[in-house]
Amino acid sequence: MNGKYRSIQMLLGLVGMILVVGVASHDYGDALSKCVLFFEGQRSGKLPSTQRMTWRKDSALRDGTDVGVDLVGGYYDAGDNIKFSFPMAFTTTTLAWSILEFGSHMGPEQKNAQEALKWGTDYFLKATSVPGKVIAQVGEPNADHNCWERPEDMDTPRTSYVVNTTNPGSEVSAEIVAALAASSIVFKSVNSQYSKILLQRASQVFQFADQYRGSYNTSVGSGVCPYYCDFDGYMDELIWAAAWLFKATNRQSYMKYVVDNIHYLENSTMRQSKEALFVGGSFAEFGWDAKHAGINVLISRLVMNTSKSDPFVPHADKFICSVLPESPTKLVTYSSGGLLFKPGGSNSQHVTAMSFLLLVYSRYLTRFHRSLECGNIAVTPSRLIQVAKTQADYLLGSNPLSMSYMVGYGRKFPRRIHHRGSSLPSIDTHPKHVKCLEGSIFFKSKYPNFNLLTGAIVGGPDINDQYNDTRINWSQSEPTTYINAPFVGVLSYFKAYPYP
């Protein structure tokens, strides 16, 4: 019996090793390259000679003329042709954070990631160039969403939406501050003069955002709602901005601001979707709207194992326990195939953002020789890495459909993504102008998109691990910049450590 038992043990161990090898078989370096390349497909403005996604051409070259400010550049947020500053700024902040945490693992992609970052910060320097004003958005969203046309052909109004001292927008302004401050750290060793410019502007805009408090929901109104309404208030962005300013400057006044104001987030009321209202639980949120978990994880690195750790480290721990599948205080759900789910559409944004924070916090725990407990379950840093890896691998194809949810990665990936530029023929093959409604035939077409938006990560499968590859189902088939940005960090880590 003992000999048979040992043989079974050896067999099971071998199977386990094979499974581990299978899970680790993704080419994370290739996925990283594609993940970064995606941002070139989202560029607005005059494209550089180094543009690698060549089916995209110059677009929106007159942005800002209605308000007398040069607003050429920046990123389209998703499959439309609008420049929403709020999610664009979050994209920039998380891309900067990805580079700061994992840039040393990126290899040649670090330079490409820095260029993608600078495309965003260059735009935000323009968007904040007039003191007392911040550009919250460019493009009339309702008109844009009623059309299906290439960005190169846009004939919809390119309205500039501005927040100012009488019509404030603290959340969008403060998120831009976070983006500029975080990016200033990235560029400090690359271009010190540019880094100083970013940091100086971040400080100036923070004063504006804090002194003239108010939500851009009211100031911009239908320009941003219902697309990117701020559902949880602007205090999280102000605290988030101060946290990044402290990290960039080491000025205690910014840390004092964080400590003095963090209580505003203790009992937040947060609306995750039109159907569900959530009260409290803010410690578990991180995305373009809610910065709570990001604040706690970021600050935890500075206060861990000190008398100043409360409430940041306890709330960061609670966040981890809200995500781990075995935790008794889990606040997310998992599909039978193992994918993390939170309420609302475009679920991949939660997968990549949560996975990024898991990896970052695992580094901090390791640095300070800490573990944590979720109820009676002991959790080590390696467990956080394991969970992040299962999520990354799922998106790359280790799932019930054996389908990659990154365009261009693997043998099977989405072909009919909800993306105007990708779905219509390029200027090279169809130079004739395609008017607003003329593109509808391409939206409704059952054929694959004409142009490969390489690296785009779509919203992903449903809770039953099923995916409908159609442009009509935008919540599953639309890519966004803020899905990719934190995934740059995740893929960089696993490129260096494919076998956790």
Protein backbone atom coordinates (compact mmCIF):
# COMPACT_ATOMS: atom_id res chain seq x y z
CA MET A 1 0.00 0.00 0.00
CA ASN A 2 2.78 2.41 0.95
CA GLY A 3 4.57 1.78 -2.36
CA LYS A 4 1.37 2.27 -4.33
CA TYR A 5 0.64 5.44 -2.35
CA ARG A 6 4.10 6.79 -3.14
CA SER A 7 3.59 6.00 -6.83
CA ILE A 8 0.29 7.87 -6.85
CA GLN A 9 1.96 10.79 -5.10
CA MET A 10 4.71 10.88 -7.71
CA LEU A 11 2.15 10.72 -10.52
CA LEU A 12 0.10 13.54 -9.04
CA GLY A 13 3.23 15.59 -8.56
CA LEU A 14 4.18 15.06 -12.20
CA VAL A 15 0.72 16.11 -13.33
CA GLY A 16 1.00 19.19 -11.13
CA MET A 17 4.33 20.08 -12.70
CA ILE A 18 2.88 19.68 -16.18
CA LEU A 19 -0.04 21.92 -15.24
CA VAL A 20 2.31 24.55 -13.86
CA VAL A 21 4.40 24.46 -17.04
CA GLY A 22 1.19 24.81 -19.08
CA VAL A 23 0.05 27.81 -17.07
CA ALA A 24 3.45 29.46 -17.36
CA SER A 25 3.71 28.85 -21.10
CA HIS A 26 2.36 32.24 -22.14
CA ASP A 27 4.78 34.54 -23.90
CA TYR A 28 4.48 37.45 -21.50
CA GLY A 29 7.13 39.43 -23.36
CA ASP A 30 5.13 39.24 -26.58
CA ALA A 31 1.93 40.12 -24.74
CA LEU A 32 3.68 43.10 -23.13
CA SER A 33 4.91 44.40 -26.48
CA LYS A 34 1.40 44.20 -27.89
CA CYS A 35 -0.15 45.72 -24.76
CA VAL A 36 2.05 48.80 -25.13
CA LEU A 37 1.62 48.99 -28.91
CA PHE A 38 -2.15 49.29 -28.43
CA PHE A 39 -1.76 52.89 -27.24
CA GLU A 40 -0.53 53.91 -30.69
CA GLY A 41 -3.89 52.85 -32.09
CA GLN A 42 -5.65 55.22 -29.67
CA ARG A 43 -3.57 58.28 -30.49
CA SER A 44 -5.28 61.50 -31.50
CA GLY A 45 -3.55 64.32 -33.30
CA LYS A 46 -0.52 64.54 -35.57
CA LEU A 47 1.12 61.12 -35.60
CA PRO A 48 4.94 60.90 -35.46
CA SER A 49 7.17 59.33 -38.10
CA THR A 50 7.86 56.52 -35.60
CA GLN A 51 4.19 55.46 -35.59
CA ARG A 52 4.15 51.65 -35.81
CA MET A 53 0.40 51.10 -36.14
CA THR A 54 0.42 52.57 -39.62
CA TRP A 55 -3.24 52.09 -40.55
CA ARG A 56 -3.97 54.96 -38.17
CA LYS A 57 -3.47 58.48 -39.58
CA ASP A 58 -3.61 62.08 -38.34
CA SER A 59 -6.90 63.13 -36.78
CA ALA A 60 -8.58 65.95 -34.85
CA LEU A 61 -5.95 68.51 -35.86
CA ARG A 62 -8.16 71.47 -34.98
CA ASP A 63 -9.06 70.42 -31.45
CA GLY A 64 -9.21 73.39 -29.10
CA THR A 65 -9.79 76.09 -31.72
CA ASP A 66 -13.21 76.81 -30.20
CA VAL A 67 -11.57 77.94 -26.94
CA GLY A 68 -8.31 79.31 -28.35
CA VAL A 69 -6.12 76.55 -26.92
CA ASP A 70 -4.02 73.99 -28.79
CA LEU A 71 -5.59 70.68 -27.74
CA VAL A 72 -4.19 68.50 -30.51
CA GLY A 73 -3.02 65.14 -29.20
CA GLY A 74 -4.00 62.85 -26.36
CA TYR A 75 -5.89 59.58 -26.54
CA TYR A 76 -9.32 58.40 -27.56
CA ASP A 77 -10.53 56.47 -24.54
CA ALA A 78 -12.05 53.43 -26.23
CA GLY A 79 -13.83 52.56 -29.46
CA ASP A 80 -15.17 56.09 -29.98
CA ASN A 81 -13.50 59.35 -30.99
CA ILE A 82 -13.88 61.42 -27.83
CA LYS A 83 -11.07 62.60 -25.56
CA PHE A 84 -12.39 62.18 -22.02
CA SER A 85 -9.81 63.68 -19.68
CA PHE A 86 -10.96 61.79 -16.57
CA PRO A 87 -10.31 58.21 -17.80
CA MET A 88 -7.37 59.42 -19.91
CA ALA A 89 -5.73 60.82 -16.79
CA PHE A 90 -6.33 57.59 -14.86
CA THR A 91 -4.80 55.70 -17.78
CA THR A 92 -1.76 57.96 -17.57
CA THR A 93 -1.44 57.59 -13.79
CA THR A 94 -1.62 53.80 -13.86
CA LEU A 95 0.73 53.55 -16.83
CA ALA A 96 3.22 55.69 -14.90
CA TRP A 97 2.77 53.50 -11.82
CA SER A 98 3.32 50.40 -13.95
CA ILE A 99 6.62 51.82 -15.18
CA LEU A 100 7.70 52.90 -11.71
CA GLU A 101 7.04 49.49 -10.16
CA PHE A 102 8.03 47.18 -12.99
CA GLY A 103 9.96 49.24 -15.54
CA SER A 104 13.19 47.39 -14.80
CA HIS A 105 11.51 44.19 -16.07
CA MET A 106 10.28 45.71 -19.34
CA GLY A 107 13.45 45.52 -21.40
CA PRO A 108 13.12 47.46 -24.67
CA GLU A 109 9.43 48.00 -23.99
CA GLN A 110 10.29 50.45 -21.23
CA LYS A 111 11.16 53.08 -23.83
CA ASN A 112 7.94 52.41 -25.75
CA ALA A 113 5.95 52.63 -22.52
CA GLN A 114 7.61 55.96 -21.69
CA GLU A 115 6.69 57.26 -25.15
CA ALA A 116 3.10 56.16 -24.61
CA LEU A 117 3.15 57.94 -21.26
CA LYS A 118 4.55 61.14 -22.74
CA TRP A 119 1.82 61.20 -25.39
CA GLY A 120 -0.61 61.54 -22.49
CA THR A 121 1.36 64.04 -20.41
CA ASP A 122 2.08 66.26 -23.41
CA TYR A 123 -1.66 66.57 -23.90
CA PHE A 124 -2.34 67.31 -20.24
CA LEU A 125 0.22 70.11 -20.27
CA LYS A 126 -1.89 71.64 -23.05
CA ALA A 127 -5.16 70.90 -21.23
CA THR A 128 -3.92 72.79 -18.14
CA SER A 129 -2.00 75.55 -19.90
CA VAL A 130 -4.44 78.33 -18.93
CA PRO A 131 -4.35 79.08 -15.18
CA GLY A 132 -7.71 78.52 -13.49
CA LYS A 133 -8.98 76.32 -16.31
CA VAL A 134 -8.78 72.61 -17.12
CA ILE A 135 -10.01 70.91 -20.28
CA ALA A 136 -12.32 68.13 -19.14
CA GLN A 137 -13.13 66.76 -22.57
CA VAL A 138 -12.96 67.33 -26.31
CA GLY A 139 -15.73 66.14 -28.60
CA GLU A 140 -19.51 66.17 -28.37
CA PRO A 141 -20.21 62.62 -27.14
CA ASN A 142 -23.82 62.20 -28.18
CA ALA A 143 -23.11 63.21 -31.76
CA ASP A 144 -19.99 61.04 -31.81
CA HIS A 145 -21.79 57.98 -30.47
CA ASN A 146 -24.51 58.36 -33.08
CA CYS A 147 -21.90 58.03 -35.82
CA TRP A 148 -19.69 55.15 -36.86
CA GLU A 149 -16.74 56.76 -38.60
CA ARG A 150 -12.97 56.78 -38.56
CA PRO A 151 -11.26 59.39 -36.37
CA GLU A 152 -9.56 60.63 -39.53
CA ASP A 153 -13.01 61.45 -40.99
CA MET A 154 -14.67 63.04 -37.98
CA ASP A 155 -17.25 65.66 -38.91
CA THR A 156 -19.03 65.76 -35.56
CA PRO A 157 -18.60 68.80 -33.26
CA ARG A 158 -15.24 68.91 -31.49
CA THR A 159 -16.60 70.88 -28.56
CA SER A 160 -14.12 71.67 -25.78
CA TYR A 161 -15.60 71.27 -22.28
CA VAL A 162 -13.84 73.43 -19.69
CA VAL A 163 -13.96 73.49 -15.89
CA ASN A 164 -12.90 76.68 -14.15
CA THR A 165 -13.19 78.65 -10.91
CA THR A 166 -16.93 79.21 -11.29
CA ASN A 167 -17.72 75.81 -12.79
CA PRO A 168 -15.22 73.51 -11.07
CA GLY A 169 -14.32 69.90 -11.69
CA SER A 170 -12.18 68.71 -8.82
CA GLU A 171 -12.19 65.02 -9.78
CA VAL A 172 -10.95 65.46 -13.34
CA SER A 173 -8.47 68.17 -12.32
CA ALA A 174 -7.08 66.13 -9.43
CA GLU A 175 -6.72 63.00 -11.54
CA ILE A 176 -4.69 65.03 -14.02
CA VAL A 177 -2.55 66.12 -11.05
CA ALA A 178 -1.95 62.49 -10.12
CA ALA A 179 -1.02 61.70 -13.74
CA LEU A 180 1.45 64.57 -13.99
CA ALA A 181 3.01 63.91 -10.58
CA ALA A 182 3.41 60.17 -11.11
CA SER A 183 4.83 60.75 -14.58
CA SER A 184 7.29 63.33 -13.25
CA ILE A 185 8.89 60.53 -11.22
CA VAL A 186 9.17 58.33 -14.32
CA PHE A 187 10.88 61.07 -16.34
CA LYS A 188 13.13 62.31 -13.53
CA SER A 189 16.02 60.10 -14.66
CA VAL A 190 15.13 60.30 -18.36
CA ASN A 191 14.43 63.99 -18.96
CA SER A 192 14.90 65.99 -15.78
CA GLN A 193 13.74 69.29 -17.27
CA TYR A 194 10.52 67.76 -18.55
CA SER A 195 10.02 66.09 -15.17
CA LYS A 196 10.26 69.48 -13.44
CA ILE A 197 7.70 70.97 -15.81
CA LEU A 198 5.27 68.14 -15.08
CA LEU A 199 5.71 68.46 -11.33
CA GLN A 200 5.36 72.23 -11.32
CA ARG A 201 2.14 72.01 -13.32
CA ALA A 202 0.82 69.26 -11.05
CA SER A 203 1.33 71.48 -8.01
CA GLN A 204 -0.43 74.41 -9.67
CA VAL A 205 -3.43 72.37 -10.80
CA PHE A 206 -3.74 70.77 -7.36
CA GLN A 207 -4.18 74.19 -5.79
CA PHE A 208 -6.93 74.94 -8.32
CA ALA A 209 -8.66 71.56 -7.83
CA ASP A 210 -8.64 71.88 -4.05
CA GLN A 211 -9.48 75.56 -3.74
CA TYR A 212 -12.40 75.47 -6.18
CA ARG A 213 -14.18 72.30 -5.18
CA GLY A 214 -17.04 70.85 -7.15
CA SER A 215 -17.93 67.99 -9.45
CA TYR A 216 -17.66 68.13 -13.19
CA ASN A 217 -20.92 66.19 -13.28
CA THR A 218 -22.60 69.54 -12.73
CA SER A 219 -20.14 71.76 -14.60
CA VAL A 220 -19.95 69.66 -17.76
CA GLY A 221 -23.21 67.76 -17.33
CA SER A 222 -24.35 65.88 -20.42
CA GLY A 223 -20.88 66.25 -21.87
CA VAL A 224 -19.62 63.54 -19.54
CA CYS A 225 -22.77 61.89 -18.22
CA PRO A 226 -23.76 59.14 -18.59
CA TYR A 227 -20.42 58.17 -20.13
CA TYR A 228 -17.95 59.05 -17.37
CA CYS A 229 -20.01 60.47 -14.52
CA ASP A 230 -18.22 60.65 -11.19
CA PHE A 231 -20.32 58.44 -8.94
CA ASP A 232 -18.30 58.56 -5.72
CA GLY A 233 -17.37 62.21 -5.29
CA TYR A 234 -14.09 64.04 -5.81
CA MET A 235 -12.39 63.62 -2.42
CA ASP A 236 -10.74 60.34 -3.45
CA GLU A 237 -9.12 62.08 -6.43
CA LEU A 238 -7.90 64.97 -4.28
CA ILE A 239 -6.35 62.56 -1.77
CA TRP A 240 -4.94 60.41 -4.58
CA ALA A 241 -3.37 63.50 -6.16
CA ALA A 242 -1.85 64.58 -2.84
CA ALA A 243 -0.44 61.08 -2.33
CA TRP A 244 1.34 61.20 -5.70
CA LEU A 245 2.56 64.74 -5.04
CA PHE A 246 4.04 63.55 -1.76
CA LYS A 247 5.72 60.62 -3.49
CA ALA A 248 7.13 63.00 -6.11
CA THR A 249 8.26 65.79 -3.76
CA ASN A 250 8.51 64.29 -0.26
CA ARG A 251 6.84 67.45 1.06
CA GLN A 252 5.13 66.70 4.34
CA SER A 253 2.30 69.14 3.58
CA TYR A 254 1.00 66.71 0.98
CA MET A 255 1.16 63.77 3.35
CA LYS A 256 -0.63 65.85 5.96
CA TYR A 257 -3.36 66.53 3.41
CA VAL A 258 -3.78 62.78 2.86
CA VAL A 259 -3.94 62.02 6.58
CA ASP A 260 -6.25 64.93 7.39
CA ASN A 261 -8.74 64.05 4.64
CA ILE A 262 -8.71 60.26 4.47
CA HIS A 263 -11.71 60.12 6.83
CA TYR A 264 -13.89 61.41 4.00
CA LEU A 265 -13.54 58.00 2.37
CA GLU A 266 -14.44 55.96 5.44
CA ASN A 267 -18.18 55.92 4.81
CA SER A 268 -18.43 56.68 1.15
CA THR A 269 -21.57 56.05 -0.81
CA MET A 270 -20.67 54.60 -4.17
CA ARG A 271 -22.82 53.87 -7.20
CA GLN A 272 -21.28 51.10 -9.25
CA SER A 273 -23.99 51.01 -11.88
CA LYS A 274 -27.47 52.30 -12.55
CA GLU A 275 -28.91 49.13 -11.05
CA ALA A 276 -26.95 48.86 -7.81
CA LEU A 277 -26.13 51.33 -5.05
CA PHE A 278 -23.26 50.45 -2.73
CA VAL A 279 -22.77 52.06 0.68
CA GLY A 280 -19.35 51.77 2.27
CA GLY A 281 -16.93 49.15 1.00
CA SER A 282 -14.94 51.90 -0.67
CA PHE A 283 -11.67 50.28 0.38
CA ALA A 284 -12.34 47.61 -2.25
CA GLU A 285 -12.62 49.94 -5.27
CA PHE A 286 -10.01 50.97 -7.81
CA GLY A 287 -10.63 52.26 -11.32
CA TRP A 288 -11.08 55.40 -13.37
CA ASP A 289 -13.77 56.61 -10.95
CA ALA A 290 -12.78 55.28 -7.51
CA LYS A 291 -9.19 55.53 -6.23
CA HIS A 292 -9.69 54.17 -2.71
CA ALA A 293 -7.75 50.90 -2.89
CA GLY A 294 -5.02 52.58 -4.93
CA ILE A 295 -4.56 55.24 -2.26
CA ASN A 296 -4.22 52.67 0.52
CA VAL A 297 -1.81 50.44 -1.40
CA LEU A 298 0.32 53.40 -2.53
CA ILE A 299 0.56 54.94 0.95
CA SER A 300 1.08 51.56 2.63
CA ARG A 301 4.56 51.43 1.11
CA LEU A 302 5.42 54.57 3.04
CA VAL A 303 3.91 53.68 6.42
CA MET A 304 4.02 49.90 6.69
CA ASN A 305 5.38 48.64 10.03
CA THR A 306 5.19 52.15 11.52
CA SER A 307 2.88 53.84 14.02
CA LYS A 308 1.30 55.73 11.09
CA SER A 309 0.08 52.62 9.26
CA ASP A 310 -3.57 53.09 10.28
CA PRO A 311 -5.88 53.31 8.31
CA PHE A 312 -3.86 52.70 5.15
CA VAL A 313 -2.36 49.27 5.79
CA PRO A 314 -5.49 47.80 7.46
CA HIS A 315 -7.58 48.98 4.52
CA ALA A 316 -5.06 47.68 2.00
CA ASP A 317 -5.25 44.32 3.79
CA LYS A 318 -9.05 44.47 3.67
CA PHE A 319 -8.86 45.16 -0.04
CA ILE A 320 -6.75 42.05 -0.57
CA CYS A 321 -9.25 40.00 1.43
CA SER A 322 -12.06 41.39 -0.72
CA VAL A 323 -10.42 39.92 -3.82
CA LEU A 324 -8.94 36.54 -2.87
CA PRO A 325 -11.25 33.69 -3.94
CA GLU A 326 -10.80 31.76 -0.66
CA SER A 327 -11.38 34.77 1.59
CA PRO A 328 -14.44 34.72 3.87
CA THR A 329 -14.79 38.48 3.28
CA LYS A 330 -14.60 38.30 -0.51
CA LEU A 331 -16.59 41.06 -2.27
CA VAL A 332 -16.05 39.91 -5.85
CA THR A 333 -17.34 36.86 -7.66
CA TYR A 334 -15.51 34.38 -9.85
CA SER A 335 -16.72 32.55 -12.92
CA SER A 336 -16.43 28.78 -13.01
CA GLY A 337 -13.43 29.30 -15.27
CA GLY A 338 -11.76 31.45 -12.60
CA LEU A 339 -12.20 35.03 -13.83
CA LEU A 340 -12.80 37.81 -11.31
CA PHE A 341 -16.05 39.75 -11.72
CA LYS A 342 -17.41 43.01 -10.33
CA PRO A 343 -20.72 44.74 -11.16
CA GLY A 344 -21.00 46.81 -14.33
CA GLY A 345 -19.73 46.43 -17.89
CA SER A 346 -16.27 46.12 -19.37
CA ASN A 347 -15.21 43.65 -16.69
CA SER A 348 -11.60 43.40 -17.86
CA GLN A 349 -10.95 46.83 -16.37
CA HIS A 350 -11.48 45.31 -12.92
CA VAL A 351 -9.39 42.24 -13.73
CA THR A 352 -6.34 44.23 -14.81
CA ALA A 353 -6.61 46.89 -12.09
CA MET A 354 -7.10 44.38 -9.25
CA SER A 355 -4.30 42.17 -10.56
CA PHE A 356 -1.95 45.13 -10.69
CA LEU A 357 -2.66 46.09 -7.08
CA LEU A 358 -2.19 42.48 -5.97
CA LEU A 359 1.28 42.43 -7.49
CA VAL A 360 2.25 45.84 -6.12
CA TYR A 361 1.07 44.98 -2.63
CA SER A 362 2.84 41.62 -2.73
CA ARG A 363 6.07 43.53 -3.33
CA TYR A 364 5.44 45.79 -0.36
CA LEU A 365 4.55 42.88 1.91
CA THR A 366 7.71 41.08 0.88
CA ARG A 367 9.84 44.18 1.43
CA PHE A 368 8.57 44.56 4.99
CA HIS A 369 8.43 40.82 5.75
CA ARG A 370 4.67 40.89 6.29
CA SER A 371 1.80 38.57 5.61
CA LEU A 372 -1.87 39.10 6.42
CA GLU A 373 -4.97 37.20 7.50
CA CYS A 374 -8.39 37.03 5.90
CA GLY A 375 -10.51 35.72 8.71
CA ASN A 376 -8.70 32.58 9.84
CA ILE A 377 -6.84 32.19 6.53
CA ALA A 378 -3.16 33.14 6.44
CA VAL A 379 -2.16 34.93 3.24
CA THR A 380 1.43 35.25 2.05
CA PRO A 381 2.75 37.58 -0.66
CA SER A 382 3.16 34.61 -3.00
CA ARG A 383 -0.57 33.96 -2.84
CA LEU A 384 -1.27 37.44 -4.18
CA ILE A 385 1.06 36.73 -7.09
CA GLN A 386 -0.68 33.42 -7.81
CA VAL A 387 -4.10 35.05 -8.00
CA ALA A 388 -2.82 37.84 -10.24
CA LYS A 389 -1.26 35.25 -12.53
CA THR A 390 -4.46 33.23 -12.88
CA GLN A 391 -6.22 36.43 -13.97
CA ALA A 392 -3.51 37.40 -16.46
CA ASP A 393 -3.40 33.89 -17.88
CA TYR A 394 -7.16 33.81 -18.24
CA LEU A 395 -7.10 36.98 -20.34
CA LEU A 396 -4.30 35.55 -22.46
CA GLY A 397 -6.14 32.32 -23.26
CA SER A 398 -6.08 29.95 -20.28
CA ASN A 399 -9.86 29.79 -20.05
CA PRO A 400 -12.77 27.51 -21.01
CA LEU A 401 -12.91 28.95 -24.56
CA SER A 402 -9.11 28.81 -25.00
CA MET A 403 -9.49 32.35 -26.27
CA SER A 404 -7.17 35.29 -25.79
CA TYR A 405 -8.96 38.51 -25.00
CA MET A 406 -6.01 40.53 -26.29
CA VAL A 407 -6.26 41.28 -29.99
CA GLY A 408 -3.34 39.81 -31.92
CA TYR A 409 -2.12 37.57 -29.10
CA GLY A 410 -2.49 33.82 -29.51
CA ARG A 411 -4.27 31.86 -32.22
CA LYS A 412 -7.81 32.76 -31.19
CA PHE A 413 -8.81 36.29 -30.23
CA PRO A 414 -11.69 38.76 -30.83
CA ARG A 415 -12.05 39.78 -34.47
CA ARG A 416 -15.11 42.05 -34.34
CA ILE A 417 -14.23 44.49 -31.60
CA HIS A 418 -16.34 47.56 -30.91
CA HIS A 419 -13.90 50.10 -32.31
CA ARG A 420 -14.59 52.55 -35.10
CA GLY A 421 -11.10 52.94 -36.53
CA SER A 422 -10.39 49.23 -36.44
CA SER A 423 -13.67 48.18 -38.06
CA LEU A 424 -13.60 50.52 -41.06
CA PRO A 425 -11.12 50.25 -43.95
CA SER A 426 -8.07 52.45 -43.47
CA ILE A 427 -7.33 55.63 -45.37
CA ASP A 428 -4.66 53.70 -47.27
CA THR A 429 -7.18 51.27 -48.74
CA HIS A 430 -10.23 53.56 -48.83
CA PRO A 431 -9.13 57.21 -49.10
CA LYS A 432 -12.67 58.47 -49.75
CA HIS A 433 -14.32 60.24 -46.81
CA VAL A 434 -16.74 58.03 -44.86
CA LYS A 435 -19.56 60.15 -43.46
CA CYS A 436 -21.28 59.74 -40.10
CA LEU A 437 -23.88 57.11 -40.94
CA GLU A 438 -22.07 55.62 -43.92
CA GLY A 439 -19.96 53.57 -41.55
CA SER A 440 -23.02 51.79 -40.15
CA ILE A 441 -22.68 48.97 -42.66
CA PHE A 442 -19.28 48.16 -41.16
CA PHE A 443 -20.67 48.30 -37.61
CA LYS A 444 -23.41 45.82 -38.53
CA SER A 445 -21.16 43.61 -40.64
CA LYS A 446 -20.54 40.04 -39.55
CA TYR A 447 -17.06 40.14 -41.09
CA PRO A 448 -13.91 40.65 -39.00
CA ASN A 449 -12.55 44.17 -38.55
CA PHE A 450 -10.42 45.50 -41.38
CA ASN A 451 -7.55 46.64 -39.16
CA LEU A 452 -5.92 44.78 -36.30
CA LEU A 453 -5.85 46.92 -33.16
CA THR A 454 -2.94 44.90 -31.82
CA GLY A 455 -2.78 44.63 -28.05
CA ALA A 456 -6.32 45.83 -27.41
CA ILE A 457 -7.91 44.04 -24.46
CA VAL A 458 -11.68 43.85 -24.78
CA GLY A 459 -14.29 43.91 -22.01
CA GLY A 460 -14.15 40.13 -21.92
CA PRO A 461 -16.48 37.18 -21.33
CA ASP A 462 -19.61 37.06 -19.22
CA ILE A 463 -19.93 35.40 -15.82
CA ASN A 464 -20.55 32.09 -17.60
CA ASP A 465 -17.19 32.35 -19.41
CA GLN A 466 -18.94 32.96 -22.73
CA TYR A 467 -17.98 35.59 -25.27
CA ASN A 468 -20.07 36.92 -28.13
CA ASP A 469 -17.70 38.24 -30.78
CA THR A 470 -19.83 41.10 -32.09
CA ARG A 471 -19.44 44.88 -32.20
CA ILE A 472 -23.00 45.34 -30.97
CA ASN A 473 -22.17 43.90 -27.56
CA TRP A 474 -19.92 46.78 -26.56
CA SER A 475 -19.59 45.80 -22.88
CA GLN A 476 -17.78 42.65 -23.98
CA SER A 477 -16.13 43.71 -27.22
CA GLU A 478 -14.92 47.28 -26.61
CA PRO A 479 -11.31 47.93 -25.59
CA THR A 480 -10.27 50.87 -23.41
CA THR A 481 -6.98 52.51 -22.52
CA TYR A 482 -7.59 52.02 -18.79
CA ILE A 483 -7.85 48.25 -19.26
CA ASN A 484 -4.38 48.12 -20.79
CA ALA A 485 -2.51 50.60 -18.60
CA PRO A 486 -2.31 48.53 -15.37
CA PHE A 487 -1.85 45.36 -17.42
CA VAL A 488 1.43 46.79 -18.69
CA GLY A 489 2.73 46.42 -15.14
CA VAL A 490 1.23 42.96 -14.69
CA LEU A 491 2.78 41.61 -17.89
CA SER A 492 6.13 43.22 -17.08
CA TYR A 493 6.23 41.34 -13.80
CA PHE A 494 5.40 37.97 -15.33
CA LYS A 495 7.83 38.57 -18.17
CA ALA A 496 10.54 38.57 -15.51
CA TYR A 497 8.95 35.94 -13.22
CA PRO A 498 6.84 33.57 -15.34
CA TYR A 499 6.90 30.83 -12.68
CA PRO A 500 5.74 32.32 -9.35
